[in-house]
Amino acid sequence: MAKQKGSRIIIHLACTNCATNFNKRSEGVSRYTTTKNRRNTPTRLEQKKFCQYCNFHTLHKETK
């Protein structure tokens, strides 16, 4: 039998600086994939991650 769907979901984090920064190393938007617990963090997740296009640590927000 199949298990019930848990409270953990897969989310995508995208760089907030890539859309407005024109002095990037190369074209593109940095994206990370992670999981979060829907019950503990119902709001959108924000983390500082390394952006390979901006070449430094920037704020990454959860996308829809």
PDB file of N, CA and C in Angstrom:
ATOM      1  N   MET A   1       0.835  -1.184   0.000  1.00  0.00           N
ATOM      2  CA  MET A   1       0.000   0.000   0.000  1.00  0.00           C
ATOM      3  C   MET A   1       0.879   1.247   0.000  1.00  0.00           C
ATOM      4  N   ALA A   2       0.351   2.286  -0.581  1.00  0.00           N
ATOM      5  CA  ALA A   2       1.099   3.538  -0.669  1.00  0.00           C
ATOM      6  C   ALA A   2       1.019   4.301   0.641  1.00  0.00           C
ATOM      7  N   LYS A   3       2.091   5.014   0.945  1.00  0.00           N
ATOM      8  CA  LYS A   3       2.107   5.836   2.151  1.00  0.00           C
ATOM      9  C   LYS A   3       1.326   7.121   1.911  1.00  0.00           C
ATOM     10  N   GLN A   4       0.850   7.705   2.999  1.00  0.00           N
ATOM     11  CA  GLN A   4       0.166   8.989   2.883  1.00  0.00           C
ATOM     12  C   GLN A   4       1.181  10.077   2.589  1.00  0.00           C
ATOM     13  N   LYS A   5       0.723  11.114   1.945  1.00  0.00           N
ATOM     14  CA  LYS A   5       1.592  12.233   1.634  1.00  0.00           C
ATOM     15  C   LYS A   5       1.952  12.963   2.925  1.00  0.00           C
ATOM     16  N   GLY A   6       3.229  13.126   3.177  1.00  0.00           N
ATOM     17  CA  GLY A   6       3.690  13.731   4.419  1.00  0.00           C
ATOM     18  C   GLY A   6       3.599  15.240   4.392  1.00  0.00           C
ATOM     19  N   SER A   7       4.137  15.839   5.430  1.00  0.00           N
ATOM     20  CA  SER A   7       4.087  17.289   5.537  1.00  0.00           C
ATOM     21  C   SER A   7       5.295  17.952   4.880  1.00  0.00           C
ATOM     22  N   ARG A   8       6.277  17.148   4.422  1.00  0.00           N
ATOM     23  CA  ARG A   8       7.456  17.714   3.771  1.00  0.00           C
ATOM     24  C   ARG A   8       7.183  17.876   2.279  1.00  0.00           C
ATOM     25  N   ILE A   9       7.537  19.048   1.747  1.00  0.00           N
ATOM     26  CA  ILE A   9       7.340  19.316   0.328  1.00  0.00           C
ATOM     27  C   ILE A   9       8.649  19.797  -0.282  1.00  0.00           C
ATOM     28  N   ILE A  10       8.803  19.609  -1.580  1.00  0.00           N
ATOM     29  CA  ILE A  10       9.980  20.072  -2.317  1.00  0.00           C
ATOM     30  C   ILE A  10       9.731  21.503  -2.770  1.00  0.00           C
ATOM     31  N   ILE A  11      10.707  22.381  -2.506  1.00  0.00           N
ATOM     32  CA  ILE A  11      10.585  23.783  -2.910  1.00  0.00           C
ATOM     33  C   ILE A  11      11.802  24.176  -3.737  1.00  0.00           C
ATOM     34  N   HIS A  12      11.674  25.284  -4.465  1.00  0.00           N
ATOM     35  CA  HIS A  12      12.754  25.823  -5.278  1.00  0.00           C
ATOM     36  C   HIS A  12      13.093  27.215  -4.778  1.00  0.00           C
ATOM     37  N   LEU A  13      14.393  27.486  -4.611  1.00  0.00           N
ATOM     38  CA  LEU A  13      14.877  28.793  -4.182  1.00  0.00           C
ATOM     39  C   LEU A  13      15.557  29.470  -5.372  1.00  0.00           C
ATOM     40  N   ALA A  14      15.186  30.728  -5.632  1.00  0.00           N
ATOM     41  CA  ALA A  14      15.767  31.468  -6.754  1.00  0.00           C
ATOM     42  C   ALA A  14      16.450  32.727  -6.233  1.00  0.00           C
ATOM     43  N   CYS A  15      17.513  33.124  -6.874  1.00  0.00           N
ATOM     44  CA  CYS A  15      18.281  34.309  -6.490  1.00  0.00           C
ATOM     45  C   CYS A  15      17.455  35.565  -6.737  1.00  0.00           C
ATOM     46  N   THR A  16      17.438  36.471  -5.765  1.00  0.00           N
ATOM     47  CA  THR A  16      16.691  37.714  -5.914  1.00  0.00           C
ATOM     48  C   THR A  16      17.521  38.794  -6.603  1.00  0.00           C
ATOM     49  N   ASN A  17      18.828  38.628  -6.624  1.00  0.00           N
ATOM     50  CA  ASN A  17      19.715  39.641  -7.183  1.00  0.00           C
ATOM     51  C   ASN A  17      19.929  39.464  -8.692  1.00  0.00           C
ATOM     52  N   CYS A  18      19.728  38.290  -9.223  1.00  0.00           N
ATOM     53  CA  CYS A  18      20.010  38.008 -10.636  1.00  0.00           C
ATOM     54  C   CYS A  18      19.092  38.771 -11.590  1.00  0.00           C
ATOM     55  N   ALA A  19      17.871  39.031 -11.205  1.00  0.00           N
ATOM     56  CA  ALA A  19      16.927  39.707 -12.090  1.00  0.00           C
ATOM     57  C   ALA A  19      17.306  41.171 -12.311  1.00  0.00           C
ATOM     58  N   THR A  20      17.938  41.800 -11.321  1.00  0.00           N
ATOM     59  CA  THR A  20      18.255  43.227 -11.421  1.00  0.00           C
ATOM     60  C   THR A  20      19.731  43.519 -11.642  1.00  0.00           C
ATOM     61  N   ASN A  21      20.607  42.540 -11.445  1.00  0.00           N
ATOM     62  CA  ASN A  21      22.045  42.758 -11.558  1.00  0.00           C
ATOM     63  C   ASN A  21      22.489  42.569 -13.011  1.00  0.00           C
ATOM     64  N   PHE A  22      23.052  43.614 -13.619  1.00  0.00           N
ATOM     65  CA  PHE A  22      23.517  43.525 -15.004  1.00  0.00           C
ATOM     66  C   PHE A  22      25.019  43.268 -15.095  1.00  0.00           C
ATOM     67  N   ASN A  23      25.735  43.317 -13.967  1.00  0.00           N
ATOM     68  CA  ASN A  23      27.173  43.080 -13.940  1.00  0.00           C
ATOM     69  C   ASN A  23      27.478  41.649 -13.507  1.00  0.00           C
ATOM     70  N   LYS A  24      26.768  40.679 -14.072  1.00  0.00           N
ATOM     71  CA  LYS A  24      26.944  39.285 -13.697  1.00  0.00           C
ATOM     72  C   LYS A  24      28.071  38.659 -14.500  1.00  0.00           C
ATOM     73  N   ARG A  25      28.575  37.536 -14.003  1.00  0.00           N
ATOM     74  CA  ARG A  25      29.597  36.784 -14.729  1.00  0.00           C
ATOM     75  C   ARG A  25      29.050  36.212 -16.013  1.00  0.00           C
ATOM     76  N   SER A  26      27.822  35.651 -15.947  1.00  0.00           N
ATOM     77  CA  SER A  26      27.192  35.060 -17.119  1.00  0.00           C
ATOM     78  C   SER A  26      25.682  35.159 -16.981  1.00  0.00           C
ATOM     79  N   GLU A  27      24.963  34.863 -18.058  1.00  0.00           N
ATOM     80  CA  GLU A  27      23.499  34.949 -18.059  1.00  0.00           C
ATOM     81  C   GLU A  27      22.895  33.776 -17.287  1.00  0.00           C
ATOM     82  N   GLY A  28      21.769  34.025 -16.652  1.00  0.00           N
ATOM     83  CA  GLY A  28      21.060  32.957 -15.955  1.00  0.00           C
ATOM     84  C   GLY A  28      20.622  33.382 -14.574  1.00  0.00           C
ATOM     85  N   VAL A  29      19.856  32.505 -13.924  1.00  0.00           N
ATOM     86  CA  VAL A  29      19.367  32.735 -12.573  1.00  0.00           C
ATOM     87  C   VAL A  29      19.724  31.516 -11.737  1.00  0.00           C
ATOM     88  N   SER A  30      20.325  31.748 -10.580  1.00  0.00           N
ATOM     89  CA  SER A  30      20.712  30.667  -9.688  1.00  0.00           C
ATOM     90  C   SER A  30      19.482  30.087  -9.010  1.00  0.00           C
ATOM     91  N   ARG A  31      19.332  28.750  -9.042  1.00  0.00           N
ATOM     92  CA  ARG A  31      18.195  28.078  -8.401  1.00  0.00           C
ATOM     93  C   ARG A  31      18.693  26.879  -7.607  1.00  0.00           C
ATOM     94  N   TYR A  32      18.136  26.704  -6.417  1.00  0.00           N
ATOM     95  CA  TYR A  32      18.425  25.559  -5.567  1.00  0.00           C
ATOM     96  C   TYR A  32      17.131  24.816  -5.287  1.00  0.00           C
ATOM     97  N   THR A  33      17.223  23.522  -5.014  1.00  0.00           N
ATOM     98  CA  THR A  33      16.077  22.700  -4.652  1.00  0.00           C
ATOM     99  C   THR A  33      16.309  22.155  -3.252  1.00  0.00           C
ATOM    100  N   THR A  34      15.292  22.227  -2.400  1.00  0.00           N
ATOM    101  CA  THR A  34      15.381  21.727  -1.038  1.00  0.00           C
ATOM    102  C   THR A  34      13.990  21.316  -0.580  1.00  0.00           C
ATOM    103  N   THR A  35      13.890  20.822   0.643  1.00  0.00           N
ATOM    104  CA  THR A  35      12.594  20.447   1.200  1.00  0.00           C
ATOM    105  C   THR A  35      12.333  21.269   2.449  1.00  0.00           C
ATOM    106  N   LYS A  36      11.053  21.432   2.770  1.00  0.00           N
ATOM    107  CA  LYS A  36      10.692  22.109   4.009  1.00  0.00           C
ATOM    108  C   LYS A  36       9.458  21.442   4.588  1.00  0.00           C
ATOM    109  N   ASN A  37       9.280  21.605   5.893  1.00  0.00           N
ATOM    110  CA  ASN A  37       8.121  21.075   6.574  1.00  0.00           C
ATOM    111  C   ASN A  37       7.010  22.111   6.501  1.00  0.00           C
ATOM    112  N   ARG A  38       5.916  21.741   5.904  1.00  0.00           N
ATOM    113  CA  ARG A  38       4.805  22.656   5.669  1.00  0.00           C
ATOM    114  C   ARG A  38       4.168  23.134   6.976  1.00  0.00           C
ATOM    115  N   ARG A  39       4.157  22.281   7.995  1.00  0.00           N
ATOM    116  CA  ARG A  39       3.520  22.640   9.270  1.00  0.00           C
ATOM    117  C   ARG A  39       4.373  23.599  10.092  1.00  0.00           C
ATOM    118  N   ASN A  40       5.696  23.408  10.092  1.00  0.00           N
ATOM    119  CA  ASN A  40       6.583  24.244  10.909  1.00  0.00           C
ATOM    120  C   ASN A  40       6.868  25.596  10.271  1.00  0.00           C
ATOM    121  N   THR A  41       6.959  25.652   8.941  1.00  0.00           N
ATOM    122  CA  THR A  41       7.265  26.906   8.239  1.00  0.00           C
ATOM    123  C   THR A  41       6.233  27.137   7.150  1.00  0.00           C
ATOM    124  N   PRO A  42       5.073  27.688   7.492  1.00  0.00           N
ATOM    125  CA  PRO A  42       4.046  27.922   6.469  1.00  0.00           C
ATOM    126  C   PRO A  42       4.372  29.104   5.561  1.00  0.00           C
ATOM    127  N   THR A  43       5.247  30.017   6.006  1.00  0.00           N
ATOM    128  CA  THR A  43       5.608  31.175   5.191  1.00  0.00           C
ATOM    129  C   THR A  43       6.682  30.782   4.179  1.00  0.00           C
ATOM    130  N   ARG A  44       6.957  31.683   3.261  1.00  0.00           N
ATOM    131  CA  ARG A  44       7.977  31.420   2.238  1.00  0.00           C
ATOM    132  C   ARG A  44       9.372  31.449   2.859  1.00  0.00           C
ATOM    133  N   LEU A  45      10.202  30.531   2.422  1.00  0.00           N
ATOM    134  CA  LEU A  45      11.541  30.368   2.959  1.00  0.00           C
ATOM    135  C   LEU A  45      12.511  31.330   2.274  1.00  0.00           C
ATOM    136  N   GLU A  46      13.437  31.903   3.057  1.00  0.00           N
ATOM    137  CA  GLU A  46      14.495  32.774   2.540  1.00  0.00           C
ATOM    138  C   GLU A  46      15.816  32.318   3.142  1.00  0.00           C
ATOM    139  N   GLN A  47      16.813  32.105   2.283  1.00  0.00           N
ATOM    140  CA  GLN A  47      18.131  31.685   2.746  1.00  0.00           C
ATOM    141  C   GLN A  47      19.203  32.385   1.947  1.00  0.00           C
ATOM    142  N   LYS A  48      20.364  32.601   2.595  1.00  0.00           N
ATOM    143  CA  LYS A  48      21.514  33.130   1.881  1.00  0.00           C
ATOM    144  C   LYS A  48      22.282  31.955   1.288  1.00  0.00           C
ATOM    145  N   LYS A  49      22.424  31.949  -0.041  1.00  0.00           N
ATOM    146  CA  LYS A  49      23.119  30.882  -0.746  1.00  0.00           C
ATOM    147  C   LYS A  49      24.099  31.511  -1.730  1.00  0.00           C
ATOM    148  N   PHE A  50      25.042  30.702  -2.217  1.00  0.00           N
ATOM    149  CA  PHE A  50      26.010  31.185  -3.193  1.00  0.00           C
ATOM    150  C   PHE A  50      25.375  31.206  -4.574  1.00  0.00           C
ATOM    151  N   CYS A  51      25.456  32.346  -5.242  1.00  0.00           N
ATOM    152  CA  CYS A  51      24.953  32.470  -6.599  1.00  0.00           C
ATOM    153  C   CYS A  51      26.143  32.371  -7.555  1.00  0.00           C
ATOM    154  N   GLN A  52      26.111  31.374  -8.428  1.00  0.00           N
ATOM    155  CA  GLN A  52      27.231  31.159  -9.345  1.00  0.00           C
ATOM    156  C   GLN A  52      27.272  32.188 -10.461  1.00  0.00           C
ATOM    157  N   TYR A  53      26.180  32.898 -10.685  1.00  0.00           N
ATOM    158  CA  TYR A  53      26.144  33.921 -11.729  1.00  0.00           C
ATOM    159  C   TYR A  53      26.575  35.288 -11.198  1.00  0.00           C
ATOM    160  N   CYS A  54      26.168  35.622  -9.967  1.00  0.00           N
ATOM    161  CA  CYS A  54      26.593  36.883  -9.349  1.00  0.00           C
ATOM    162  C   CYS A  54      27.971  36.755  -8.711  1.00  0.00           C
ATOM    163  N   ASN A  55      28.379  35.532  -8.412  1.00  0.00           N
ATOM    164  CA  ASN A  55      29.692  35.207  -7.849  1.00  0.00           C
ATOM    165  C   ASN A  55      29.849  35.658  -6.399  1.00  0.00           C
ATOM    166  N   PHE A  56      28.765  35.730  -5.635  1.00  0.00           N
ATOM    167  CA  PHE A  56      28.844  35.949  -4.194  1.00  0.00           C
ATOM    168  C   PHE A  56      27.545  35.481  -3.539  1.00  0.00           C
ATOM    169  N   HIS A  57      27.501  35.480  -2.204  1.00  0.00           N
ATOM    170  CA  HIS A  57      26.330  35.006  -1.470  1.00  0.00           C
ATOM    171  C   HIS A  57      25.219  36.051  -1.542  1.00  0.00           C
ATOM    172  N   THR A  58      24.022  35.611  -1.955  1.00  0.00           N
ATOM    173  CA  THR A  58      22.872  36.496  -2.066  1.00  0.00           C
ATOM    174  C   THR A  58      21.661  35.834  -1.428  1.00  0.00           C
ATOM    175  N   LEU A  59      20.617  36.608  -1.256  1.00  0.00           N
ATOM    176  CA  LEU A  59      19.375  36.105  -0.689  1.00  0.00           C
ATOM    177  C   LEU A  59      18.611  35.332  -1.748  1.00  0.00           C
ATOM    178  N   HIS A  60      18.224  34.099  -1.416  1.00  0.00           N
ATOM    179  CA  HIS A  60      17.424  33.258  -2.306  1.00  0.00           C
ATOM    180  C   HIS A  60      16.069  33.070  -1.661  1.00  0.00           C
ATOM    181  N   LYS A  61      14.988  33.346  -2.412  1.00  0.00           N
ATOM    182  CA  LYS A  61      13.638  33.215  -1.892  1.00  0.00           C
ATOM    183  C   LYS A  61      12.913  32.061  -2.569  1.00  0.00           C
ATOM    184  N   GLU A  62      11.938  31.538  -1.859  1.00  0.00           N
ATOM    185  CA  GLU A  62      11.137  30.441  -2.380  1.00  0.00           C
ATOM    186  C   GLU A  62      10.253  30.928  -3.521  1.00  0.00           C
ATOM    187  N   THR A  63      10.245  30.181  -4.621  1.00  0.00           N
ATOM    188  CA  THR A  63       9.406  30.543  -5.752  1.00  0.00           C
ATOM    189  C   THR A  63       8.081  29.824  -5.668  1.00  0.00           C
ATOM    190  N   LYS A  64       7.159  30.241  -6.469  1.00  0.00           N
ATOM    191  CA  LYS A  64       5.816  29.656  -6.433  1.00  0.00           C
ATOM    192  C   LYS A  64       5.788  28.298  -7.081  1.00  0.00           C
TER     193      LYS A  64
END
